[in-house]
PDB file of all heavy atoms in Angstrom:
ATOM      1  N   LEU A   1     -56.346 133.446 164.468  1.00  0.00           N
ATOM      2  CA  LEU A   1     -56.290 134.222 163.217  1.00  0.00           C
ATOM      3  C   LEU A   1     -57.161 133.515 162.090  1.00  0.00           C
ATOM      4  O   LEU A   1     -57.920 134.175 161.390  1.00  0.00           O
ATOM      5  CB  LEU A   1     -54.878 134.359 162.670  1.00  0.00           C
ATOM      6  CG  LEU A   1     -53.993 135.508 163.241  1.00  0.00           C
ATOM      7  CD1 LEU A   1     -53.619 135.132 164.625  1.00  0.00           C
ATOM      8  CD2 LEU A   1     -52.863 135.824 162.362  1.00  0.00           C
ATOM      9  N   GLY A   2     -57.037 132.214 162.039  1.00  0.00           N
ATOM     10  CA  GLY A   2     -57.679 131.506 160.897  1.00  0.00           C
ATOM     11  C   GLY A   2     -59.197 131.661 160.890  1.00  0.00           C
ATOM     12  O   GLY A   2     -59.798 131.668 159.837  1.00  0.00           O
ATOM     13  N   HIS A   3     -59.821 131.643 162.061  1.00  0.00           N
ATOM     14  CA  HIS A   3     -61.287 131.710 162.022  1.00  0.00           C
ATOM     15  C   HIS A   3     -61.752 133.081 161.492  1.00  0.00           C
ATOM     16  O   HIS A   3     -62.825 133.207 160.903  1.00  0.00           O
ATOM     17  CB  HIS A   3     -61.835 131.477 163.495  1.00  0.00           C
ATOM     18  CG  HIS A   3     -62.039 132.646 164.420  1.00  0.00           C
ATOM     19  ND1 HIS A   3     -60.863 133.220 165.021  1.00  0.00           N
ATOM     20  CD2 HIS A   3     -63.084 133.344 164.729  1.00  0.00           C
ATOM     21  CE1 HIS A   3     -61.272 134.248 165.738  1.00  0.00           C
ATOM     22  NE2 HIS A   3     -62.694 134.428 165.550  1.00  0.00           N
ATOM     23  N   LEU A   4     -60.893 134.102 161.622  1.00  0.00           N
ATOM     24  CA  LEU A   4     -61.241 135.387 160.987  1.00  0.00           C
ATOM     25  C   LEU A   4     -60.873 135.470 159.530  1.00  0.00           C
ATOM     26  O   LEU A   4     -61.604 135.889 158.776  1.00  0.00           O
ATOM     27  CB  LEU A   4     -60.550 136.486 161.739  1.00  0.00           C
ATOM     28  CG  LEU A   4     -61.199 136.849 163.160  1.00  0.00           C
ATOM     29  CD1 LEU A   4     -60.211 137.672 164.030  1.00  0.00           C
ATOM     30  CD2 LEU A   4     -62.524 137.508 163.040  1.00  0.00           C
ATOM     31  N   ALA A   5     -59.761 134.820 159.150  1.00  0.00           N
ATOM     32  CA  ALA A   5     -59.309 134.770 157.800  1.00  0.00           C
ATOM     33  C   ALA A   5     -60.380 134.037 156.929  1.00  0.00           C
ATOM     34  O   ALA A   5     -60.691 134.481 155.785  1.00  0.00           O
ATOM     35  CB  ALA A   5     -58.053 134.013 157.686  1.00  0.00           C
ATOM     36  N   LEU A   6     -60.925 133.024 157.482  1.00  0.00           N
ATOM     37  CA  LEU A   6     -61.988 132.261 156.822  1.00  0.00           C
ATOM     38  C   LEU A   6     -63.206 133.102 156.513  1.00  0.00           C
ATOM     39  O   LEU A   6     -63.772 133.060 155.446  1.00  0.00           O
ATOM     40  CB  LEU A   6     -62.391 131.040 157.656  1.00  0.00           C
ATOM     41  CG  LEU A   6     -63.467 130.098 157.079  1.00  0.00           C
ATOM     42  CD1 LEU A   6     -63.023 129.573 155.743  1.00  0.00           C
ATOM     43  CD2 LEU A   6     -63.673 128.986 158.059  1.00  0.00           C
ATOM     44  N   GLN A   7     -63.580 133.956 157.520  1.00  0.00           N
ATOM     45  CA  GLN A   7     -64.642 134.863 157.328  1.00  0.00           C
ATOM     46  C   GLN A   7     -64.420 135.887 156.316  1.00  0.00           C
ATOM     47  O   GLN A   7     -65.224 136.258 155.451  1.00  0.00           O
ATOM     48  CB  GLN A   7     -65.101 135.466 158.635  1.00  0.00           C
ATOM     49  CG  GLN A   7     -65.609 134.433 159.660  1.00  0.00           C
ATOM     50  CD  GLN A   7     -65.914 135.007 161.023  1.00  0.00           C
ATOM     51  OE1 GLN A   7     -66.857 135.853 161.152  1.00  0.00           O
ATOM     52  NE2 GLN A   7     -65.092 134.689 162.025  1.00  0.00           N
ATOM     53  N   TYR A   8     -63.219 136.462 156.307  1.00  0.00           N
ATOM     54  CA  TYR A   8     -62.848 137.450 155.185  1.00  0.00           C
ATOM     55  C   TYR A   8     -62.807 136.857 153.883  1.00  0.00           C
ATOM     56  O   TYR A   8     -63.226 137.532 152.904  1.00  0.00           O
ATOM     57  CB  TYR A   8     -61.514 138.104 155.660  1.00  0.00           C
ATOM     58  CG  TYR A   8     -61.542 138.977 156.893  1.00  0.00           C
ATOM     59  CD1 TYR A   8     -60.580 138.813 157.907  1.00  0.00           C
ATOM     60  CD2 TYR A   8     -62.502 139.846 157.131  1.00  0.00           C
ATOM     61  CE1 TYR A   8     -60.574 139.504 159.074  1.00  0.00           C
ATOM     62  CE2 TYR A   8     -62.562 140.629 158.268  1.00  0.00           C
ATOM     63  CZ  TYR A   8     -61.615 140.458 159.313  1.00  0.00           C
ATOM     64  OH  TYR A   8     -61.662 141.212 160.372  1.00  0.00           O
ATOM     65  N   ALA A   9     -62.328 135.631 153.755  1.00  0.00           N
ATOM     66  CA  ALA A   9     -62.306 135.023 152.441  1.00  0.00           C
ATOM     67  C   ALA A   9     -63.731 134.859 151.920  1.00  0.00           C
ATOM     68  O   ALA A   9     -64.002 135.079 150.691  1.00  0.00           O
ATOM     69  CB  ALA A   9     -61.669 133.641 152.587  1.00  0.00           C
ATOM     70  N   ARG A  10     -64.670 134.521 152.812  1.00  0.00           N
ATOM     71  CA  ARG A  10     -66.072 134.468 152.375  1.00  0.00           C
ATOM     72  C   ARG A  10     -66.615 135.835 152.028  1.00  0.00           C
ATOM     73  O   ARG A  10     -67.389 136.000 151.082  1.00  0.00           O
ATOM     74  CB  ARG A  10     -66.871 133.844 153.543  1.00  0.00           C
ATOM     75  CG  ARG A  10     -66.673 132.284 153.643  1.00  0.00           C
ATOM     76  CD  ARG A  10     -67.320 131.719 154.943  1.00  0.00           C
ATOM     77  NE  ARG A  10     -68.762 132.044 155.049  1.00  0.00           N
ATOM     78  CZ  ARG A  10     -69.659 131.469 154.429  1.00  0.00           C
ATOM     79  NH1 ARG A  10     -69.385 130.430 153.612  1.00  0.00           N
ATOM     80  NH2 ARG A  10     -71.008 131.855 154.654  1.00  0.00           N
ATOM     81  N   ILE A  11     -66.276 136.875 152.754  1.00  0.00           N
ATOM     82  CA  ILE A  11     -66.675 138.194 152.467  1.00  0.00           C
ATOM     83  C   ILE A  11     -66.147 138.593 151.057  1.00  0.00           C
ATOM     84  O   ILE A  11     -66.861 139.297 150.321  1.00  0.00           O
ATOM     85  CB  ILE A  11     -66.186 139.217 153.563  1.00  0.00           C
ATOM     86  CG1 ILE A  11     -66.937 139.007 154.849  1.00  0.00           C
ATOM     87  CG2 ILE A  11     -66.296 140.705 153.058  1.00  0.00           C
ATOM     88  CD1 ILE A  11     -66.377 139.728 156.038  1.00  0.00           C
ATOM     89  N   PHE A  12     -64.917 138.199 150.800  1.00  0.00           N
ATOM     90  CA  PHE A  12     -64.396 138.497 149.496  1.00  0.00           C
ATOM     91  C   PHE A  12     -64.921 137.785 148.313  1.00  0.00           C
ATOM     92  O   PHE A  12     -64.711 137.937 147.157  1.00  0.00           O
ATOM     93  CB  PHE A  12     -62.825 138.293 149.487  1.00  0.00           C
ATOM     94  CG  PHE A  12     -62.035 139.343 150.217  1.00  0.00           C
ATOM     95  CD1 PHE A  12     -62.555 139.967 151.213  1.00  0.00           C
ATOM     96  CD2 PHE A  12     -60.760 139.576 149.820  1.00  0.00           C
ATOM     97  CE1 PHE A  12     -61.746 140.983 151.944  1.00  0.00           C
ATOM     98  CE2 PHE A  12     -60.009 140.561 150.413  1.00  0.00           C
ATOM     99  CZ  PHE A  12     -60.440 141.236 151.503  1.00  0.00           C
ATOM    100  N   GLY A  13     -65.863 136.784 148.607  1.00  0.00           N
ATOM    101  CA  GLY A  13     -66.608 135.992 147.635  1.00  0.00           C
ATOM    102  C   GLY A  13     -65.886 134.765 147.177  1.00  0.00           C
ATOM    103  O   GLY A  13     -66.276 134.123 146.171  1.00  0.00           O
ATOM    104  N   ALA A  14     -64.830 134.302 147.912  1.00  0.00           N
ATOM    105  CA  ALA A  14     -64.088 133.157 147.514  1.00  0.00           C
ATOM    106  C   ALA A  14     -64.746 131.778 147.876  1.00  0.00           C
ATOM    107  O   ALA A  14     -65.488 131.832 148.958  1.00  0.00           O
ATOM    108  CB  ALA A  14     -62.637 133.278 147.985  1.00  0.00           C
ATOM    109  N   GLU A  15     -64.397 130.740 147.207  1.00  0.00           N
ATOM    110  CA  GLU A  15     -64.689 129.403 147.596  1.00  0.00           C
ATOM    111  C   GLU A  15     -63.563 129.069 148.607  1.00  0.00           C
ATOM    112  O   GLU A  15     -62.408 129.260 148.397  1.00  0.00           O
ATOM    113  CB  GLU A  15     -64.630 128.434 146.450  1.00  0.00           C
ATOM    114  CG  GLU A  15     -64.801 126.984 146.725  1.00  0.00           C
ATOM    115  CD  GLU A  15     -64.618 126.037 145.599  1.00  0.00           C
ATOM    116  OE1 GLU A  15     -64.531 126.627 144.369  1.00  0.00           O
ATOM    117  OE2 GLU A  15     -64.499 124.814 145.725  1.00  0.00           O
ATOM    118  N   THR A  16     -64.016 128.537 149.840  1.00  0.00           N
ATOM    119  CA  THR A  16     -62.990 128.432 150.880  1.00  0.00           C
ATOM    120  C   THR A  16     -62.701 127.064 151.295  1.00  0.00           C
ATOM    121  O   THR A  16     -63.572 126.139 151.251  1.00  0.00           O
ATOM    122  CB  THR A  16     -63.585 129.172 152.238  1.00  0.00           C
ATOM    123  OG1 THR A  16     -64.927 128.640 152.485  1.00  0.00           O
ATOM    124  CG2 THR A  16     -63.690 130.638 151.939  1.00  0.00           C
ATOM    125  N   ILE A  17     -61.420 126.800 151.576  1.00  0.00           N
ATOM    126  CA  ILE A  17     -60.871 125.488 152.014  1.00  0.00           C
ATOM    127  C   ILE A  17     -60.254 125.700 153.361  1.00  0.00           C
ATOM    128  O   ILE A  17     -59.286 126.500 153.462  1.00  0.00           O
ATOM    129  CB  ILE A  17     -59.888 124.939 151.069  1.00  0.00           C
ATOM    130  CG1 ILE A  17     -60.454 124.867 149.625  1.00  0.00           C
ATOM    131  CG2 ILE A  17     -59.394 123.532 151.491  1.00  0.00           C
ATOM    132  CD1 ILE A  17     -59.415 124.705 148.626  1.00  0.00           C
ATOM    133  N   ALA A  18     -60.702 125.075 154.381  1.00  0.00           N
ATOM    134  CA  ALA A  18     -60.177 125.208 155.746  1.00  0.00           C
ATOM    135  C   ALA A  18     -59.390 123.925 156.094  1.00  0.00           C
ATOM    136  O   ALA A  18     -59.788 122.875 155.847  1.00  0.00           O
ATOM    137  CB  ALA A  18     -61.227 125.456 156.803  1.00  0.00           C
ATOM    138  N   VAL A  19     -58.144 124.156 156.652  1.00  0.00           N
ATOM    139  CA  VAL A  19     -57.275 123.047 157.056  1.00  0.00           C
ATOM    140  C   VAL A  19     -56.853 123.159 158.468  1.00  0.00           C
ATOM    141  O   VAL A  19     -56.453 124.316 158.873  1.00  0.00           O
ATOM    142  CB  VAL A  19     -55.987 123.022 156.153  1.00  0.00           C
ATOM    143  CG1 VAL A  19     -55.088 121.875 156.457  1.00  0.00           C
ATOM    144  CG2 VAL A  19     -56.333 123.044 154.681  1.00  0.00           C
ATOM    145  N   ASP A  20     -57.000 122.127 159.217  1.00  0.00           N
ATOM    146  CA  ASP A  20     -56.427 122.065 160.589  1.00  0.00           C
ATOM    147  C   ASP A  20     -56.160 120.649 161.039  1.00  0.00           C
ATOM    148  O   ASP A  20     -56.305 119.680 160.184  1.00  0.00           O
ATOM    149  CB  ASP A  20     -57.481 122.701 161.599  1.00  0.00           C
ATOM    150  CG  ASP A  20     -56.801 123.371 162.780  1.00  0.00           C
ATOM    151  OD1 ASP A  20     -56.333 122.661 163.623  1.00  0.00           O
ATOM    152  OD2 ASP A  20     -56.580 124.612 162.774  1.00  0.00           O
ATOM    153  N   VAL A  21     -55.704 120.452 162.269  1.00  0.00           N
ATOM    154  CA  VAL A  21     -55.264 119.164 162.795  1.00  0.00           C
ATOM    155  C   VAL A  21     -55.999 118.791 164.087  1.00  0.00           C
ATOM    156  O   VAL A  21     -55.591 117.888 164.741  1.00  0.00           O
ATOM    157  CB  VAL A  21     -53.712 119.091 162.894  1.00  0.00           C
ATOM    158  CG1 VAL A  21     -53.052 119.160 161.553  1.00  0.00           C
ATOM    159  CG2 VAL A  21     -53.250 120.172 163.903  1.00  0.00           C
ATOM    160  N   THR A  22     -57.034 119.568 164.455  1.00  0.00           N
ATOM    161  CA  THR A  22     -57.741 119.246 165.692  1.00  0.00           C
ATOM    162  C   THR A  22     -59.199 119.227 165.440  1.00  0.00           C
ATOM    163  O   THR A  22     -59.729 120.006 164.606  1.00  0.00           O
ATOM    164  CB  THR A  22     -57.427 120.376 166.776  1.00  0.00           C
ATOM    165  OG1 THR A  22     -57.897 121.651 166.393  1.00  0.00           O
ATOM    166  CG2 THR A  22     -55.969 120.428 167.186  1.00  0.00           C
ATOM    167  N   ASP A  23     -59.970 118.360 166.123  1.00  0.00           N
ATOM    168  CA  ASP A  23     -61.335 118.144 165.849  1.00  0.00           C
ATOM    169  C   ASP A  23     -62.163 119.476 166.069  1.00  0.00           C
ATOM    170  O   ASP A  23     -63.050 119.727 165.363  1.00  0.00           O
ATOM    171  CB  ASP A  23     -61.896 117.020 166.705  1.00  0.00           C
ATOM    172  CG  ASP A  23     -61.293 115.683 166.366  1.00  0.00           C
ATOM    173  OD1 ASP A  23     -60.780 115.540 165.226  1.00  0.00           O
ATOM    174  OD2 ASP A  23     -61.297 114.816 167.167  1.00  0.00           O
ATOM    175  N   ASP A  24     -61.853 120.200 167.195  1.00  0.00           N
ATOM    176  CA  ASP A  24     -62.635 121.365 167.504  1.00  0.00           C
ATOM    177  C   ASP A  24     -62.476 122.457 166.420  1.00  0.00           C
ATOM    178  O   ASP A  24     -63.408 123.171 166.119  1.00  0.00           O
ATOM    179  CB  ASP A  24     -62.382 121.846 168.945  1.00  0.00           C
ATOM    180  CG  ASP A  24     -60.914 122.231 169.118  1.00  0.00           C
ATOM    181  OD1 ASP A  24     -60.000 121.784 168.371  1.00  0.00           O
ATOM    182  OD2 ASP A  24     -60.610 123.039 169.997  1.00  0.00           O
ATOM    183  N   LYS A  25     -61.237 122.586 165.886  1.00  0.00           N
ATOM    184  CA  LYS A  25     -60.993 123.668 164.883  1.00  0.00           C
ATOM    185  C   LYS A  25     -61.681 123.305 163.602  1.00  0.00           C
ATOM    186  O   LYS A  25     -62.182 124.163 162.867  1.00  0.00           O
ATOM    187  CB  LYS A  25     -59.493 123.868 164.711  1.00  0.00           C
ATOM    188  CG  LYS A  25     -58.799 124.292 166.013  1.00  0.00           C
ATOM    189  CD  LYS A  25     -59.126 125.586 166.518  1.00  0.00           C
ATOM    190  CE  LYS A  25     -58.493 125.914 167.875  1.00  0.00           C
ATOM    191  NZ  LYS A  25     -57.026 125.851 167.844  1.00  0.00           N
ATOM    192  N   LEU A  26     -61.699 121.976 163.270  1.00  0.00           N
ATOM    193  CA  LEU A  26     -62.363 121.521 162.036  1.00  0.00           C
ATOM    194  C   LEU A  26     -63.828 121.799 162.196  1.00  0.00           C
ATOM    195  O   LEU A  26     -64.506 122.170 161.228  1.00  0.00           O
ATOM    196  CB  LEU A  26     -62.073 120.102 161.844  1.00  0.00           C
ATOM    197  CG  LEU A  26     -60.553 119.793 161.557  1.00  0.00           C
ATOM    198  CD1 LEU A  26     -60.296 118.202 161.511  1.00  0.00           C
ATOM    199  CD2 LEU A  26     -60.145 120.251 160.188  1.00  0.00           C
ATOM    200  N   ALA A  27     -64.311 121.540 163.392  1.00  0.00           N
ATOM    201  CA  ALA A  27     -65.870 121.691 163.637  1.00  0.00           C
ATOM    202  C   ALA A  27     -66.137 123.235 163.529  1.00  0.00           C
ATOM    203  O   ALA A  27     -67.128 123.625 163.028  1.00  0.00           O
ATOM    204  CB  ALA A  27     -66.131 121.210 165.018  1.00  0.00           C
ATOM    205  N   LEU A  28     -65.227 124.053 164.028  1.00  0.00           N
ATOM    206  CA  LEU A  28     -65.417 125.486 163.947  1.00  0.00           C
ATOM    207  C   LEU A  28     -65.413 125.993 162.480  1.00  0.00           C
ATOM    208  O   LEU A  28     -66.246 126.834 162.105  1.00  0.00           O
ATOM    209  CB  LEU A  28     -64.291 126.199 164.726  1.00  0.00           C
ATOM    210  CG  LEU A  28     -64.297 127.772 164.700  1.00  0.00           C
ATOM    211  CD1 LEU A  28     -65.624 128.264 165.228  1.00  0.00           C
ATOM    212  CD2 LEU A  28     -63.112 128.304 165.426  1.00  0.00           C
ATOM    213  N   ALA A  29     -64.556 125.428 161.721  1.00  0.00           N
ATOM    214  CA  ALA A  29     -64.523 125.755 160.307  1.00  0.00           C
ATOM    215  C   ALA A  29     -65.865 125.458 159.590  1.00  0.00           C
ATOM    216  O   ALA A  29     -66.352 126.278 158.811  1.00  0.00           O
ATOM    217  CB  ALA A  29     -63.392 125.031 159.589  1.00  0.00           C
ATOM    218  N   ARG A  30     -66.391 124.288 159.920  1.00  0.00           N
ATOM    219  CA  ARG A  30     -67.714 123.970 159.344  1.00  0.00           C
ATOM    220  C   ARG A  30     -68.825 124.928 159.871  1.00  0.00           C
ATOM    221  O   ARG A  30     -69.641 125.385 159.024  1.00  0.00           O
ATOM    222  CB  ARG A  30     -68.020 122.514 159.694  1.00  0.00           C
ATOM    223  CG  ARG A  30     -67.167 121.397 159.130  1.00  0.00           C
ATOM    224  CD  ARG A  30     -67.688 120.046 159.420  1.00  0.00           C
ATOM    225  NE  ARG A  30     -66.701 119.025 158.860  1.00  0.00           N
ATOM    226  CZ  ARG A  30     -65.740 118.504 159.700  1.00  0.00           C
ATOM    227  NH1 ARG A  30     -65.623 118.861 160.937  1.00  0.00           N
ATOM    228  NH2 ARG A  30     -64.840 117.599 159.087  1.00  0.00           N
ATOM    229  N   GLU A  31     -68.690 125.246 161.112  1.00  0.00           N
ATOM    230  CA  GLU A  31     -69.722 126.126 161.736  1.00  0.00           C
ATOM    231  C   GLU A  31     -69.666 127.521 161.078  1.00  0.00           C
ATOM    232  O   GLU A  31     -70.687 128.196 160.841  1.00  0.00           O
ATOM    233  CB  GLU A  31     -69.457 126.290 163.201  1.00  0.00           C
ATOM    234  CG  GLU A  31     -70.456 127.206 163.969  1.00  0.00           C
ATOM    235  CD  GLU A  31     -70.027 127.371 165.408  1.00  0.00           C
ATOM    236  OE1 GLU A  31     -69.281 126.538 165.905  1.00  0.00           O
ATOM    237  OE2 GLU A  31     -70.443 128.420 165.994  1.00  0.00           O
ATOM    238  N   LEU A  32     -68.418 127.989 160.653  1.00  0.00           N
ATOM    239  CA  LEU A  32     -68.266 129.250 160.004  1.00  0.00           C
ATOM    240  C   LEU A  32     -68.548 129.275 158.568  1.00  0.00           C
ATOM    241  O   LEU A  32     -68.458 130.289 157.810  1.00  0.00           O
ATOM    242  CB  LEU A  32     -66.886 129.796 160.302  1.00  0.00           C
ATOM    243  CG  LEU A  32     -66.628 130.145 161.818  1.00  0.00           C
ATOM    244  CD1 LEU A  32     -65.119 130.475 162.000  1.00  0.00           C
ATOM    245  CD2 LEU A  32     -67.517 131.334 162.280  1.00  0.00           C
ATOM    246  N   GLY A  33     -68.899 128.088 158.030  1.00  0.00           N
ATOM    247  CA  GLY A  33     -69.326 128.008 156.577  1.00  0.00           C
ATOM    248  C   GLY A  33     -68.224 127.668 155.597  1.00  0.00           C
ATOM    249  O   GLY A  33     -68.479 127.955 154.298  1.00  0.00           O
ATOM    250  N   ALA A  34     -67.176 127.118 156.025  1.00  0.00           N
ATOM    251  CA  ALA A  34     -66.115 126.706 154.993  1.00  0.00           C
ATOM    252  C   ALA A  34     -66.763 125.753 153.971  1.00  0.00           C
ATOM    253  O   ALA A  34     -67.537 124.873 154.341  1.00  0.00           O
ATOM    254  CB  ALA A  34     -64.999 125.975 155.685  1.00  0.00           C
ATOM    255  N   ASP A  35     -66.403 125.953 152.719  1.00  0.00           N
ATOM    256  CA  ASP A  35     -66.915 125.149 151.656  1.00  0.00           C
ATOM    257  C   ASP A  35     -66.291 123.785 151.617  1.00  0.00           C
ATOM    258  O   ASP A  35     -66.883 122.753 151.298  1.00  0.00           O
ATOM    259  CB  ASP A  35     -66.712 125.803 150.299  1.00  0.00           C
ATOM    260  CG  ASP A  35     -67.482 127.130 150.118  1.00  0.00           C
ATOM    261  OD1 ASP A  35     -68.639 127.048 150.292  1.00  0.00           O
ATOM    262  OD2 ASP A  35     -66.792 128.131 150.000  1.00  0.00           O
ATOM    263  N   HIS A  36     -64.998 123.664 152.035  1.00  0.00           N
ATOM    264  CA  HIS A  36     -64.328 122.425 152.141  1.00  0.00           C
ATOM    265  C   HIS A  36     -63.545 122.416 153.440  1.00  0.00           C
ATOM    266  O   HIS A  36     -62.880 123.371 153.793  1.00  0.00           O
ATOM    267  CB  HIS A  36     -63.378 122.156 150.959  1.00  0.00           C
ATOM    268  CG  HIS A  36     -64.078 122.381 149.636  1.00  0.00           C
ATOM    269  ND1 HIS A  36     -64.837 121.453 149.029  1.00  0.00           N
ATOM    270  CD2 HIS A  36     -63.986 123.444 148.854  1.00  0.00           C
ATOM    271  CE1 HIS A  36     -65.280 122.016 147.877  1.00  0.00           C
ATOM    272  NE2 HIS A  36     -64.777 123.212 147.747  1.00  0.00           N
ATOM    273  N   VAL A  37     -63.516 121.244 154.180  1.00  0.00           N
ATOM    274  CA  VAL A  37     -62.746 121.167 155.452  1.00  0.00           C
ATOM    275  C   VAL A  37     -61.839 119.973 155.321  1.00  0.00           C
ATOM    276  O   VAL A  37     -62.308 118.882 155.078  1.00  0.00           O
ATOM    277  CB  VAL A  37     -63.697 121.086 156.604  1.00  0.00           C
ATOM    278  CG1 VAL A  37     -62.875 120.909 157.954  1.00  0.00           C
ATOM    279  CG2 VAL A  37     -64.610 122.320 156.727  1.00  0.00           C
ATOM    280  N   LEU A  38     -60.550 120.173 155.582  1.00  0.00           N
ATOM    281  CA  LEU A  38     -59.577 119.052 155.375  1.00  0.00           C
ATOM    282  C   LEU A  38     -58.836 118.900 156.669  1.00  0.00           C
ATOM    283  O   LEU A  38     -58.384 119.835 157.343  1.00  0.00           O
ATOM    284  CB  LEU A  38     -58.556 119.427 154.292  1.00  0.00           C
ATOM    285  CG  LEU A  38     -59.124 119.626 152.882  1.00  0.00           C
ATOM    286  CD1 LEU A  38     -57.975 119.958 151.912  1.00  0.00           C
ATOM    287  CD2 LEU A  38     -59.863 118.376 152.453  1.00  0.00           C
ATOM    288  N   ASP A  39     -58.671 117.647 157.099  1.00  0.00           N
ATOM    289  CA  ASP A  39     -57.955 117.281 158.265  1.00  0.00           C
ATOM    290  C   ASP A  39     -56.512 116.834 157.860  1.00  0.00           C
ATOM    291  O   ASP A  39     -56.351 115.742 157.235  1.00  0.00           O
ATOM    292  CB  ASP A  39     -58.695 116.086 158.927  1.00  0.00           C
ATOM    293  CG  ASP A  39     -58.036 115.682 160.270  1.00  0.00           C
ATOM    294  OD1 ASP A  39     -56.895 115.990 160.515  1.00  0.00           O
ATOM    295  OD2 ASP A  39     -58.750 114.921 161.059  1.00  0.00           O
ATOM    296  N   ALA A  40     -55.527 117.639 158.196  1.00  0.00           N
ATOM    297  CA  ALA A  40     -54.206 117.430 157.757  1.00  0.00           C
ATOM    298  C   ALA A  40     -53.596 116.194 158.463  1.00  0.00           C
ATOM    299  O   ALA A  40     -52.493 115.701 157.994  1.00  0.00           O
ATOM    300  CB  ALA A  40     -53.302 118.618 157.967  1.00  0.00           C
ATOM    301  N   ARG A  41     -54.193 115.668 159.462  1.00  0.00           N
ATOM    302  CA  ARG A  41     -53.689 114.370 160.084  1.00  0.00           C
ATOM    303  C   ARG A  41     -53.975 113.172 159.240  1.00  0.00           C
ATOM    304  O   ARG A  41     -53.123 112.234 159.255  1.00  0.00           O
ATOM    305  CB  ARG A  41     -54.347 114.228 161.501  1.00  0.00           C
ATOM    306  CG  ARG A  41     -54.062 115.283 162.526  1.00  0.00           C
ATOM    307  CD  ARG A  41     -54.992 115.127 163.736  1.00  0.00           C
ATOM    308  NE  ARG A  41     -56.437 115.316 163.337  1.00  0.00           N
ATOM    309  CZ  ARG A  41     -57.381 115.275 164.255  1.00  0.00           C
ATOM    310  NH1 ARG A  41     -57.174 115.227 165.567  1.00  0.00           N
ATOM    311  NH2 ARG A  41     -58.670 115.441 163.881  1.00  0.00           N
ATOM    312  N   THR A  42     -55.069 113.172 158.495  1.00  0.00           N
ATOM    313  CA  THR A  42     -55.389 112.009 157.811  1.00  0.00           C
ATOM    314  C   THR A  42     -55.484 112.199 156.284  1.00  0.00           C
ATOM    315  O   THR A  42     -55.736 111.201 155.566  1.00  0.00           O
ATOM    316  CB  THR A  42     -56.777 111.535 158.315  1.00  0.00           C
ATOM    317  OG1 THR A  42     -57.779 112.563 158.120  1.00  0.00           O
ATOM    318  CG2 THR A  42     -56.698 111.160 159.783  1.00  0.00           C
ATOM    319  N   GLN A  43     -55.426 113.464 155.811  1.00  0.00           N
ATOM    320  CA  GLN A  43     -55.595 113.678 154.372  1.00  0.00           C
ATOM    321  C   GLN A  43     -54.313 114.436 153.838  1.00  0.00           C
ATOM    322  O   GLN A  43     -53.692 115.170 154.529  1.00  0.00           O
ATOM    323  CB  GLN A  43     -56.815 114.646 154.123  1.00  0.00           C
ATOM    324  CG  GLN A  43     -58.158 113.934 154.499  1.00  0.00           C
ATOM    325  CD  GLN A  43     -59.251 114.846 154.407  1.00  0.00           C
ATOM    326  OE1 GLN A  43     -59.548 115.697 155.273  1.00  0.00           O
ATOM    327  NE2 GLN A  43     -60.010 114.844 153.297  1.00  0.00           N
ATOM    328  N   ASP A  44     -54.070 114.050 152.620  1.00  0.00           N
ATOM    329  CA  ASP A  44     -52.952 114.739 151.880  1.00  0.00           C
ATOM    330  C   ASP A  44     -53.507 116.102 151.382  1.00  0.00           C
ATOM    331  O   ASP A  44     -54.261 116.113 150.407  1.00  0.00           O
ATOM    332  CB  ASP A  44     -52.445 113.820 150.730  1.00  0.00           C
ATOM    333  CG  ASP A  44     -51.262 114.478 149.974  1.00  0.00           C
ATOM    334  OD1 ASP A  44     -51.219 115.758 149.901  1.00  0.00           O
ATOM    335  OD2 ASP A  44     -50.430 113.729 149.444  1.00  0.00           O
ATOM    336  N   VAL A  45     -53.211 117.133 152.051  1.00  0.00           N
ATOM    337  CA  VAL A  45     -53.842 118.410 151.797  1.00  0.00           C
ATOM    338  C   VAL A  45     -53.607 118.911 150.390  1.00  0.00           C
ATOM    339  O   VAL A  45     -54.540 119.246 149.608  1.00  0.00           O
ATOM    340  CB  VAL A  45     -53.405 119.522 152.749  1.00  0.00           C
ATOM    341  CG1 VAL A  45     -53.887 120.885 152.361  1.00  0.00           C
ATOM    342  CG2 VAL A  45     -53.887 119.165 154.180  1.00  0.00           C
TER     343      VAL A  45
END
């Protein structure tokens, strides 16, 4: 769901923040153009 939600947020013109706990999903968020990517394992979201 989230990889599509991120794309819709961008379509709506929003500044986007993607949060996940796995390396591949964080990489996917960057690939899809998230403005900010946070790793909930190591960062206080």
